[in-house]
Amino acid sequence: MGRGKPAHRSSFFSAVSTPMPHVQMYCTALCPYCVMAEKLLTHKGVTSIEKIRIDLDLAERDAMIHRTGCRTVPQIYIGQTHVGGFDDLAALDRQGLLDPLLDNA
């Protein structure tokens, strides 16, 4: 083999040193798009999602509308970045932009 570090070693150390991003998701109990968003984020390695249930707390619903300008769920934040809903999240993934966002959050 060559003189550089083995690929598996460098990827192992970068994975260990990369902290998990803070992910918030405004959601409701009966929202299939919320479930799909959670599955996609979990598939991408996100282990913790702060779920804010707007169906249980109208003040949180109002806060979501004020913060995002949107009335639909899910509304997803990765770090300080407002991603939008599931369609927006999936579009970022298709464009190859979700992984860097998760890495830099």
PDB file of N, CA and C in Angstrom:
ATOM      1  N   MET A   1       0.831  -1.171   0.000  1.00  0.00           N
ATOM      2  CA  MET A   1       0.000   0.000   0.000  1.00  0.00           C
ATOM      3  C   MET A   1       0.882   1.243   0.000  1.00  0.00           C
ATOM      4  N   GLY A   2       0.267   2.402  -0.309  1.00  0.00           N
ATOM      5  CA  GLY A   2       0.997   3.664  -0.357  1.00  0.00           C
ATOM      6  C   GLY A   2       1.350   4.161   1.027  1.00  0.00           C
ATOM      7  N   ARG A   3       2.035   5.301   1.054  1.00  0.00           N
ATOM      8  CA  ARG A   3       2.489   5.844   2.326  1.00  0.00           C
ATOM      9  C   ARG A   3       1.431   6.635   3.080  1.00  0.00           C
ATOM     10  N   GLY A   4       0.343   7.012   2.464  1.00  0.00           N
ATOM     11  CA  GLY A   4      -0.692   7.806   3.139  1.00  0.00           C
ATOM     12  C   GLY A   4      -1.465   6.984   4.152  1.00  0.00           C
ATOM     13  N   LYS A   5      -2.301   7.670   4.870  1.00  0.00           N
ATOM     14  CA  LYS A   5      -3.173   6.984   5.822  1.00  0.00           C
ATOM     15  C   LYS A   5      -4.180   6.135   5.063  1.00  0.00           C
ATOM     16  N   PRO A   6      -4.531   4.975   5.578  1.00  0.00           N
ATOM     17  CA  PRO A   6      -5.580   4.187   4.936  1.00  0.00           C
ATOM     18  C   PRO A   6      -6.895   4.954   4.956  1.00  0.00           C
ATOM     19  N   ALA A   7      -7.667   4.796   3.889  1.00  0.00           N
ATOM     20  CA  ALA A   7      -8.935   5.535   3.760  1.00  0.00           C
ATOM     21  C   ALA A   7      -9.858   5.270   4.936  1.00  0.00           C
ATOM     22  N   HIS A   8      -9.939   4.013   5.377  1.00  0.00           N
ATOM     23  CA  HIS A   8     -10.862   3.704   6.471  1.00  0.00           C
ATOM     24  C   HIS A   8     -10.442   4.381   7.762  1.00  0.00           C
ATOM     25  N   ARG A   9      -9.144   4.564   7.953  1.00  0.00           N
ATOM     26  CA  ARG A   9      -8.682   5.208   9.178  1.00  0.00           C
ATOM     27  C   ARG A   9      -9.047   6.688   9.202  1.00  0.00           C
ATOM     28  N   SER A  10      -8.790   7.412   8.107  1.00  0.00           N
ATOM     29  CA  SER A  10      -9.087   8.838   8.111  1.00  0.00           C
ATOM     30  C   SER A  10     -10.591   9.087   8.195  1.00  0.00           C
ATOM     31  N   SER A  11     -11.394   8.269   7.520  1.00  0.00           N
ATOM     32  CA  SER A  11     -12.835   8.466   7.608  1.00  0.00           C
ATOM     33  C   SER A  11     -13.340   8.125   9.000  1.00  0.00           C
ATOM     34  N   PHE A  12     -12.703   7.149   9.667  1.00  0.00           N
ATOM     35  CA  PHE A  12     -13.092   6.801  11.025  1.00  0.00           C
ATOM     36  C   PHE A  12     -12.840   7.976  11.957  1.00  0.00           C
ATOM     37  N   PHE A  13     -11.642   8.560  11.869  1.00  0.00           N
ATOM     38  CA  PHE A  13     -11.327   9.662  12.764  1.00  0.00           C
ATOM     39  C   PHE A  13     -12.150  10.903  12.472  1.00  0.00           C
ATOM     40  N   SER A  14     -12.446  11.175  11.209  1.00  0.00           N
ATOM     41  CA  SER A  14     -13.275  12.341  10.921  1.00  0.00           C
ATOM     42  C   SER A  14     -14.699  12.131  11.421  1.00  0.00           C
ATOM     43  N   ALA A  15     -15.184  10.897  11.367  1.00  0.00           N
ATOM     44  CA  ALA A  15     -16.528  10.618  11.866  1.00  0.00           C
ATOM     45  C   ALA A  15     -16.579  10.762  13.379  1.00  0.00           C
ATOM     46  N   VAL A  16     -15.512  10.356  14.057  1.00  0.00           N
ATOM     47  CA  VAL A  16     -15.478  10.442  15.505  1.00  0.00           C
ATOM     48  C   VAL A  16     -15.391  11.898  15.950  1.00  0.00           C
ATOM     49  N   SER A  17     -14.625  12.732  15.234  1.00  0.00           N
ATOM     50  CA  SER A  17     -14.411  14.096  15.683  1.00  0.00           C
ATOM     51  C   SER A  17     -15.515  15.055  15.247  1.00  0.00           C
ATOM     52  N   THR A  18     -16.412  14.616  14.385  1.00  0.00           N
ATOM     53  CA  THR A  18     -17.479  15.488  13.912  1.00  0.00           C
ATOM     54  C   THR A  18     -18.665  15.413  14.867  1.00  0.00           C
ATOM     55  N   PRO A  19     -19.018  16.539  15.521  1.00  0.00           N
ATOM     56  CA  PRO A  19     -20.160  16.501  16.433  1.00  0.00           C
ATOM     57  C   PRO A  19     -21.476  16.415  15.657  1.00  0.00           C
ATOM     58  N   MET A  20     -22.477  15.871  16.321  1.00  0.00           N
ATOM     59  CA  MET A  20     -23.796  15.785  15.702  1.00  0.00           C
ATOM     60  C   MET A  20     -24.413  17.173  15.634  1.00  0.00           C
ATOM     61  N   PRO A  21     -25.092  17.478  14.545  1.00  0.00           N
ATOM     62  CA  PRO A  21     -25.734  18.788  14.428  1.00  0.00           C
ATOM     63  C   PRO A  21     -26.979  18.867  15.313  1.00  0.00           C
ATOM     64  N   HIS A  22     -27.320  20.097  15.697  1.00  0.00           N
ATOM     65  CA  HIS A  22     -28.569  20.295  16.428  1.00  0.00           C
ATOM     66  C   HIS A  22     -29.680  20.415  15.394  1.00  0.00           C
ATOM     67  N   VAL A  23     -30.626  19.513  15.458  1.00  0.00           N
ATOM     68  CA  VAL A  23     -31.733  19.499  14.501  1.00  0.00           C
ATOM     69  C   VAL A  23     -33.031  19.703  15.265  1.00  0.00           C
ATOM     70  N   GLN A  24     -33.811  20.683  14.814  1.00  0.00           N
ATOM     71  CA  GLN A  24     -35.143  20.938  15.371  1.00  0.00           C
ATOM     72  C   GLN A  24     -36.163  20.691  14.283  1.00  0.00           C
ATOM     73  N   MET A  25     -37.291  20.097  14.675  1.00  0.00           N
ATOM     74  CA  MET A  25     -38.367  19.872  13.717  1.00  0.00           C
ATOM     75  C   MET A  25     -39.702  20.195  14.377  1.00  0.00           C
ATOM     76  N   TYR A  26     -40.381  21.193  13.833  1.00  0.00           N
ATOM     77  CA  TYR A  26     -41.752  21.467  14.232  1.00  0.00           C
ATOM     78  C   TYR A  26     -42.609  20.406  13.556  1.00  0.00           C
ATOM     79  N   CYS A  27     -43.481  19.750  14.323  1.00  0.00           N
ATOM     80  CA  CYS A  27     -44.247  18.629  13.779  1.00  0.00           C
ATOM     81  C   CYS A  27     -45.574  18.469  14.507  1.00  0.00           C
ATOM     82  N   THR A  28     -46.372  17.523  14.008  1.00  0.00           N
ATOM     83  CA  THR A  28     -47.609  17.106  14.668  1.00  0.00           C
ATOM     84  C   THR A  28     -47.598  15.582  14.761  1.00  0.00           C
ATOM     85  N   ALA A  29     -48.554  15.037  15.493  1.00  0.00           N
ATOM     86  CA  ALA A  29     -48.606  13.587  15.691  1.00  0.00           C
ATOM     87  C   ALA A  29     -48.973  12.845  14.410  1.00  0.00           C
ATOM     88  N   LEU A  30     -49.853  13.401  13.608  1.00  0.00           N
ATOM     89  CA  LEU A  30     -50.366  12.697  12.433  1.00  0.00           C
ATOM     90  C   LEU A  30     -49.878  13.340  11.143  1.00  0.00           C
ATOM     91  N   CYS A  31     -48.574  13.417  10.979  1.00  0.00           N
ATOM     92  CA  CYS A  31     -47.988  14.074   9.819  1.00  0.00           C
ATOM     93  C   CYS A  31     -47.051  13.112   9.100  1.00  0.00           C
ATOM     94  N   PRO A  32     -47.481  12.558   7.962  1.00  0.00           N
ATOM     95  CA  PRO A  32     -46.611  11.608   7.255  1.00  0.00           C
ATOM     96  C   PRO A  32     -45.321  12.247   6.751  1.00  0.00           C
ATOM     97  N   TYR A  33     -45.352  13.539   6.424  1.00  0.00           N
ATOM     98  CA  TYR A  33     -44.133  14.201   5.966  1.00  0.00           C
ATOM     99  C   TYR A  33     -43.132  14.375   7.108  1.00  0.00           C
ATOM    100  N   CYS A  34     -43.635  14.530   8.325  1.00  0.00           N
ATOM    101  CA  CYS A  34     -42.765  14.598   9.495  1.00  0.00           C
ATOM    102  C   CYS A  34     -42.049  13.258   9.688  1.00  0.00           C
ATOM    103  N   VAL A  35     -42.789  12.177   9.529  1.00  0.00           N
ATOM    104  CA  VAL A  35     -42.207  10.834   9.664  1.00  0.00           C
ATOM    105  C   VAL A  35     -41.146  10.616   8.587  1.00  0.00           C
ATOM    106  N   MET A  36     -41.448  11.016   7.349  1.00  0.00           N
ATOM    107  CA  MET A  36     -40.477  10.839   6.267  1.00  0.00           C
ATOM    108  C   MET A  36     -39.231  11.688   6.496  1.00  0.00           C
ATOM    109  N   ALA A  37     -39.395  12.897   7.007  1.00  0.00           N
ATOM    110  CA  ALA A  37     -38.251  13.755   7.305  1.00  0.00           C
ATOM    111  C   ALA A  37     -37.382  13.124   8.385  1.00  0.00           C
ATOM    112  N   GLU A  38     -38.018  12.610   9.421  1.00  0.00           N
ATOM    113  CA  GLU A  38     -37.263  11.965  10.496  1.00  0.00           C
ATOM    114  C   GLU A  38     -36.497  10.753   9.968  1.00  0.00           C
ATOM    115  N   LYS A  39     -37.132   9.968   9.103  1.00  0.00           N
ATOM    116  CA  LYS A  39     -36.454   8.794   8.533  1.00  0.00           C
ATOM    117  C   LYS A  39     -35.254   9.200   7.685  1.00  0.00           C
ATOM    118  N   LEU A  40     -35.397  10.243   6.878  1.00  0.00           N
ATOM    119  CA  LEU A  40     -34.287  10.699   6.049  1.00  0.00           C
ATOM    120  C   LEU A  40     -33.140  11.203   6.918  1.00  0.00           C
ATOM    121  N   LEU A  41     -33.448  11.998   7.924  1.00  0.00           N
ATOM    122  CA  LEU A  41     -32.407  12.514   8.809  1.00  0.00           C
ATOM    123  C   LEU A  41     -31.711  11.389   9.565  1.00  0.00           C
ATOM    124  N   THR A  42     -32.483  10.420  10.029  1.00  0.00           N
ATOM    125  CA  THR A  42     -31.903   9.267  10.723  1.00  0.00           C
ATOM    126  C   THR A  42     -30.999   8.481   9.783  1.00  0.00           C
ATOM    127  N   HIS A  43     -31.441   8.296   8.547  1.00  0.00           N
ATOM    128  CA  HIS A  43     -30.629   7.605   7.538  1.00  0.00           C
ATOM    129  C   HIS A  43     -29.313   8.350   7.297  1.00  0.00           C
ATOM    130  N   LYS A  44     -29.331   9.663   7.442  1.00  0.00           N
ATOM    131  CA  LYS A  44     -28.136  10.484   7.246  1.00  0.00           C
ATOM    132  C   LYS A  44     -27.246  10.519   8.486  1.00  0.00           C
ATOM    133  N   GLY A  45     -27.650   9.832   9.539  1.00  0.00           N
ATOM    134  CA  GLY A  45     -26.806   9.738  10.727  1.00  0.00           C
ATOM    135  C   GLY A  45     -27.193  10.640  11.879  1.00  0.00           C
ATOM    136  N   VAL A  46     -28.275  11.383  11.743  1.00  0.00           N
ATOM    137  CA  VAL A  46     -28.730  12.242  12.840  1.00  0.00           C
ATOM    138  C   VAL A  46     -29.332  11.340  13.912  1.00  0.00           C
ATOM    139  N   THR A  47     -28.827  11.457  15.126  1.00  0.00           N
ATOM    140  CA  THR A  47     -29.290  10.587  16.204  1.00  0.00           C
ATOM    141  C   THR A  47     -30.254  11.272  17.164  1.00  0.00           C
ATOM    142  N   SER A  48     -30.329  12.598  17.075  1.00  0.00           N
ATOM    143  CA  SER A  48     -31.210  13.333  17.991  1.00  0.00           C
ATOM    144  C   SER A  48     -31.909  14.454  17.233  1.00  0.00           C
ATOM    145  N   ILE A  49     -33.220  14.444  17.296  1.00  0.00           N
ATOM    146  CA  ILE A  49     -34.028  15.490  16.679  1.00  0.00           C
ATOM    147  C   ILE A  49     -34.917  16.079  17.770  1.00  0.00           C
ATOM    148  N   GLU A  50     -34.806  17.371  17.960  1.00  0.00           N
ATOM    149  CA  GLU A  50     -35.683  18.043  18.918  1.00  0.00           C
ATOM    150  C   GLU A  50     -37.019  18.279  18.226  1.00  0.00           C
ATOM    151  N   LYS A  51     -38.024  17.527  18.642  1.00  0.00           N
ATOM    152  CA  LYS A  51     -39.348  17.644  18.038  1.00  0.00           C
ATOM    153  C   LYS A  51     -40.193  18.610  18.851  1.00  0.00           C
ATOM    154  N   ILE A  52     -40.732  19.595  18.164  1.00  0.00           N
ATOM    155  CA  ILE A  52     -41.592  20.585  18.799  1.00  0.00           C
ATOM    156  C   ILE A  52     -42.992  20.349  18.271  1.00  0.00           C
ATOM    157  N   ARG A  53     -43.855  19.809  19.132  1.00  0.00           N
ATOM    158  CA  ARG A  53     -45.205  19.412  18.738  1.00  0.00           C
ATOM    159  C   ARG A  53     -46.139  20.611  18.786  1.00  0.00           C
ATOM    160  N   ILE A  54     -46.467  21.127  17.613  1.00  0.00           N
ATOM    161  CA  ILE A  54     -47.335  22.306  17.560  1.00  0.00           C
ATOM    162  C   ILE A  54     -48.805  21.955  17.734  1.00  0.00           C
ATOM    163  N   ASP A  55     -49.154  20.673  17.652  1.00  0.00           N
ATOM    164  CA  ASP A  55     -50.545  20.276  17.877  1.00  0.00           C
ATOM    165  C   ASP A  55     -50.866  20.197  19.374  1.00  0.00           C
ATOM    166  N   LEU A  56     -49.842  20.159  20.200  1.00  0.00           N
ATOM    167  CA  LEU A  56     -50.038  20.086  21.648  1.00  0.00           C
ATOM    168  C   LEU A  56     -49.908  21.446  22.327  1.00  0.00           C
ATOM    169  N   ASP A  57     -49.276  22.387  21.629  1.00  0.00           N
ATOM    170  CA  ASP A  57     -49.006  23.680  22.240  1.00  0.00           C
ATOM    171  C   ASP A  57     -49.189  24.782  21.198  1.00  0.00           C
ATOM    172  N   LEU A  58     -50.302  25.510  21.305  1.00  0.00           N
ATOM    173  CA  LEU A  58     -50.597  26.570  20.337  1.00  0.00           C
ATOM    174  C   LEU A  58     -49.578  27.702  20.371  1.00  0.00           C
ATOM    175  N   ALA A  59     -48.943  27.918  21.515  1.00  0.00           N
ATOM    176  CA  ALA A  59     -47.900  28.943  21.582  1.00  0.00           C
ATOM    177  C   ALA A  59     -46.709  28.540  20.710  1.00  0.00           C
ATOM    178  N   GLU A  60     -46.400  27.254  20.675  1.00  0.00           N
ATOM    179  CA  GLU A  60     -45.308  26.767  19.807  1.00  0.00           C
ATOM    180  C   GLU A  60     -45.694  26.901  18.340  1.00  0.00           C
ATOM    181  N   ARG A  61     -46.962  26.689  18.037  1.00  0.00           N
ATOM    182  CA  ARG A  61     -47.447  26.879  16.661  1.00  0.00           C
ATOM    183  C   ARG A  61     -47.247  28.323  16.231  1.00  0.00           C
ATOM    184  N   ASP A  62     -47.643  29.242  17.096  1.00  0.00           N
ATOM    185  CA  ASP A  62     -47.468  30.657  16.801  1.00  0.00           C
ATOM    186  C   ASP A  62     -45.990  31.014  16.665  1.00  0.00           C
ATOM    187  N   ALA A  63     -45.154  30.437  17.536  1.00  0.00           N
ATOM    188  CA  ALA A  63     -43.713  30.688  17.465  1.00  0.00           C
ATOM    189  C   ALA A  63     -43.137  30.170  16.147  1.00  0.00           C
ATOM    190  N   MET A  64     -43.607  29.000  15.686  1.00  0.00           N
ATOM    191  CA  MET A  64     -43.146  28.445  14.417  1.00  0.00           C
ATOM    192  C   MET A  64     -43.500  29.377  13.270  1.00  0.00           C
ATOM    193  N   ILE A  65     -44.749  29.848  13.252  1.00  0.00           N
ATOM    194  CA  ILE A  65     -45.202  30.738  12.180  1.00  0.00           C
ATOM    195  C   ILE A  65     -44.377  32.027  12.188  1.00  0.00           C
ATOM    196  N   HIS A  66     -44.129  32.562  13.351  1.00  0.00           N
ATOM    197  CA  HIS A  66     -43.337  33.786  13.457  1.00  0.00           C
ATOM    198  C   HIS A  66     -41.896  33.544  13.007  1.00  0.00           C
ATOM    199  N   ARG A  67     -41.331  32.421  13.423  1.00  0.00           N
ATOM    200  CA  ARG A  67     -39.921  32.112  13.130  1.00  0.00           C
ATOM    201  C   ARG A  67     -39.693  31.758  11.668  1.00  0.00           C
ATOM    202  N   THR A  68     -40.629  31.002  11.070  1.00  0.00           N
ATOM    203  CA  THR A  68     -40.408  30.469   9.718  1.00  0.00           C
ATOM    204  C   THR A  68     -41.208  31.181   8.641  1.00  0.00           C
ATOM    205  N   GLY A  69     -42.314  31.807   9.026  1.00  0.00           N
ATOM    206  CA  GLY A  69     -43.216  32.383   8.030  1.00  0.00           C
ATOM    207  C   GLY A  69     -44.079  31.330   7.363  1.00  0.00           C
ATOM    208  N   CYS A  70     -44.044  30.122   7.875  1.00  0.00           N
ATOM    209  CA  CYS A  70     -44.794  28.992   7.293  1.00  0.00           C
ATOM    210  C   CYS A  70     -45.824  28.475   8.287  1.00  0.00           C
ATOM    211  N   ARG A  71     -46.883  27.878   7.741  1.00  0.00           N
ATOM    212  CA  ARG A  71     -47.952  27.320   8.572  1.00  0.00           C
ATOM    213  C   ARG A  71     -48.018  25.794   8.496  1.00  0.00           C
ATOM    214  N   THR A  72     -47.195  25.184   7.665  1.00  0.00           N
ATOM    215  CA  THR A  72     -47.254  23.735   7.472  1.00  0.00           C
ATOM    216  C   THR A  72     -46.094  23.047   8.178  1.00  0.00           C
ATOM    217  N   VAL A  73     -46.306  21.788   8.500  1.00  0.00           N
ATOM    218  CA  VAL A  73     -45.253  20.967   9.104  1.00  0.00           C
ATOM    219  C   VAL A  73     -44.877  19.846   8.139  1.00  0.00           C
ATOM    220  N   PRO A  74     -43.669  19.367   8.266  1.00  0.00           N
ATOM    221  CA  PRO A  74     -42.645  19.793   9.213  1.00  0.00           C
ATOM    222  C   PRO A  74     -41.969  21.088   8.779  1.00  0.00           C
ATOM    223  N   GLN A  75     -41.391  21.757   9.745  1.00  0.00           N
ATOM    224  CA  GLN A  75     -40.461  22.854   9.501  1.00  0.00           C
ATOM    225  C   GLN A  75     -39.176  22.453  10.223  1.00  0.00           C
ATOM    226  N   ILE A  76     -38.094  22.392   9.465  1.00  0.00           N
ATOM    227  CA  ILE A  76     -36.860  21.791   9.953  1.00  0.00           C
ATOM    228  C   ILE A  76     -35.754  22.833  10.001  1.00  0.00           C
ATOM    229  N   TYR A  77     -35.032  22.828  11.111  1.00  0.00           N
ATOM    230  CA  TYR A  77     -33.818  23.630  11.273  1.00  0.00           C
ATOM    231  C   TYR A  77     -32.655  22.678  11.492  1.00  0.00           C
ATOM    232  N   ILE A  78     -31.567  22.925  10.776  1.00  0.00           N
ATOM    233  CA  ILE A  78     -30.304  22.230  11.015  1.00  0.00           C
ATOM    234  C   ILE A  78     -29.336  23.312  11.452  1.00  0.00           C
ATOM    235  N   GLY A  79     -28.947  23.252  12.719  1.00  0.00           N
ATOM    236  CA  GLY A  79     -28.197  24.369  13.285  1.00  0.00           C
ATOM    237  C   GLY A  79     -29.081  25.600  13.241  1.00  0.00           C
ATOM    238  N   GLN A  80     -28.565  26.686  12.697  1.00  0.00           N
ATOM    239  CA  GLN A  80     -29.335  27.932  12.581  1.00  0.00           C
ATOM    240  C   GLN A  80     -30.006  28.072  11.212  1.00  0.00           C
ATOM    241  N   THR A  81     -29.839  27.062  10.344  1.00  0.00           N
ATOM    242  CA  THR A  81     -30.356  27.125   8.980  1.00  0.00           C
ATOM    243  C   THR A  81     -31.768  26.568   8.895  1.00  0.00           C
ATOM    244  N   HIS A  82     -32.706  27.387   8.421  1.00  0.00           N
ATOM    245  CA  HIS A  82     -34.060  26.919   8.188  1.00  0.00           C
ATOM    246  C   HIS A  82     -34.078  26.184   6.854  1.00  0.00           C
ATOM    247  N   VAL A  83     -34.277  24.874   6.906  1.00  0.00           N
ATOM    248  CA  VAL A  83     -34.292  24.041   5.704  1.00  0.00           C
ATOM    249  C   VAL A  83     -35.636  24.152   5.007  1.00  0.00           C
ATOM    250  N   GLY A  84     -36.719  24.196   5.777  1.00  0.00           N
ATOM    251  CA  GLY A  84     -38.068  24.188   5.225  1.00  0.00           C
ATOM    252  C   GLY A  84     -38.740  22.889   5.599  1.00  0.00           C
ATOM    253  N   GLY A  85     -39.548  22.361   4.675  1.00  0.00           N
ATOM    254  CA  GLY A  85     -40.287  21.133   4.927  1.00  0.00           C
ATOM    255  C   GLY A  85     -39.596  19.904   4.362  1.00  0.00           C
ATOM    256  N   PHE A  86     -40.332  18.793   4.336  1.00  0.00           N
ATOM    257  CA  PHE A  86     -39.749  17.548   3.845  1.00  0.00           C
ATOM    258  C   PHE A  86     -39.315  17.658   2.394  1.00  0.00           C
ATOM    259  N   ASP A  87     -40.133  18.270   1.539  1.00  0.00           N
ATOM    260  CA  ASP A  87     -39.753  18.398   0.132  1.00  0.00           C
ATOM    261  C   ASP A  87     -38.439  19.161  -0.018  1.00  0.00           C
ATOM    262  N   ASP A  88     -38.262  20.196   0.781  1.00  0.00           N
ATOM    263  CA  ASP A  88     -37.018  20.970   0.749  1.00  0.00           C
ATOM    264  C   ASP A  88     -35.830  20.133   1.231  1.00  0.00           C
ATOM    265  N   LEU A  89     -36.061  19.369   2.286  1.00  0.00           N
ATOM    266  CA  LEU A  89     -35.020  18.488   2.829  1.00  0.00           C
ATOM    267  C   LEU A  89     -34.605  17.447   1.793  1.00  0.00           C
ATOM    268  N   ALA A  90     -35.586  16.817   1.156  1.00  0.00           N
ATOM    269  CA  ALA A  90     -35.304  15.794   0.148  1.00  0.00           C
ATOM    270  C   ALA A  90     -34.597  16.407  -1.066  1.00  0.00           C
ATOM    271  N   ALA A  91     -34.982  17.627  -1.449  1.00  0.00           N
ATOM    272  CA  ALA A  91     -34.325  18.298  -2.578  1.00  0.00           C
ATOM    273  C   ALA A  91     -32.858  18.573  -2.255  1.00  0.00           C
ATOM    274  N   LEU A  92     -32.579  19.019  -1.037  1.00  0.00           N
ATOM    275  CA  LEU A  92     -31.189  19.234  -0.635  1.00  0.00           C
ATOM    276  C   LEU A  92     -30.394  17.936  -0.728  1.00  0.00           C
ATOM    277  N   ASP A  93     -31.018  16.838  -0.305  1.00  0.00           N
ATOM    278  CA  ASP A  93     -30.349  15.545  -0.364  1.00  0.00           C
ATOM    279  C   ASP A  93     -30.057  15.156  -1.818  1.00  0.00           C
ATOM    280  N   ARG A  94     -31.025  15.311  -2.693  1.00  0.00           N
ATOM    281  CA  ARG A  94     -30.828  14.971  -4.116  1.00  0.00           C
ATOM    282  C   ARG A  94     -29.732  15.813  -4.757  1.00  0.00           C
ATOM    283  N   GLN A  95     -29.607  17.061  -4.333  1.00  0.00           N
ATOM    284  CA  GLN A  95     -28.600  17.965  -4.883  1.00  0.00           C
ATOM    285  C   GLN A  95     -27.218  17.773  -4.252  1.00  0.00           C
ATOM    286  N   GLY A  96     -27.140  16.873  -3.270  1.00  0.00           N
ATOM    287  CA  GLY A  96     -25.866  16.645  -2.597  1.00  0.00           C
ATOM    288  C   GLY A  96     -25.503  17.727  -1.584  1.00  0.00           C
ATOM    289  N   LEU A  97     -26.490  18.509  -1.146  1.00  0.00           N
ATOM    290  CA  LEU A  97     -26.224  19.625  -0.245  1.00  0.00           C
ATOM    291  C   LEU A  97     -26.602  19.340   1.212  1.00  0.00           C
ATOM    292  N   LEU A  98     -27.283  18.232   1.462  1.00  0.00           N
ATOM    293  CA  LEU A  98     -27.699  17.922   2.821  1.00  0.00           C
ATOM    294  C   LEU A  98     -26.529  17.462   3.677  1.00  0.00           C
ATOM    295  N   ASP A  99     -25.691  16.582   3.157  1.00  0.00           N
ATOM    296  CA  ASP A  99     -24.553  16.090   3.948  1.00  0.00           C
ATOM    297  C   ASP A  99     -23.635  17.222   4.396  1.00  0.00           C
ATOM    298  N   PRO A 100     -23.236  18.152   3.499  1.00  0.00           N
ATOM    299  CA  PRO A 100     -22.398  19.265   3.969  1.00  0.00           C
ATOM    300  C   PRO A 100     -23.101  20.124   5.017  1.00  0.00           C
ATOM    301  N   LEU A 101     -24.395  20.315   4.877  1.00  0.00           N
ATOM    302  CA  LEU A 101     -25.133  21.101   5.871  1.00  0.00           C
ATOM    303  C   LEU A 101     -25.104  20.400   7.222  1.00  0.00           C
ATOM    304  N   LEU A 102     -25.284  19.101   7.224  1.00  0.00           N
ATOM    305  CA  LEU A 102     -25.238  18.339   8.470  1.00  0.00           C
ATOM    306  C   LEU A 102     -23.824  18.346   9.059  1.00  0.00           C
ATOM    307  N   ASP A 103     -22.819  18.313   8.208  1.00  0.00           N
ATOM    308  CA  ASP A 103     -21.431  18.309   8.674  1.00  0.00           C
ATOM    309  C   ASP A 103     -21.014  19.648   9.252  1.00  0.00           C
ATOM    310  N   ASN A 104     -21.592  20.740   8.751  1.00  0.00           N
ATOM    311  CA  ASN A 104     -21.167  22.082   9.157  1.00  0.00           C
ATOM    312  C   ASN A 104     -22.058  22.716  10.196  1.00  0.00           C
ATOM    313  N   ALA A 105     -23.114  22.035  10.595  1.00  0.00           N
ATOM    314  CA  ALA A 105     -24.068  22.628  11.537  1.00  0.00           C
ATOM    315  C   ALA A 105     -23.467  22.729  12.933  1.00  0.00           C
TER     316      ALA A 105
END
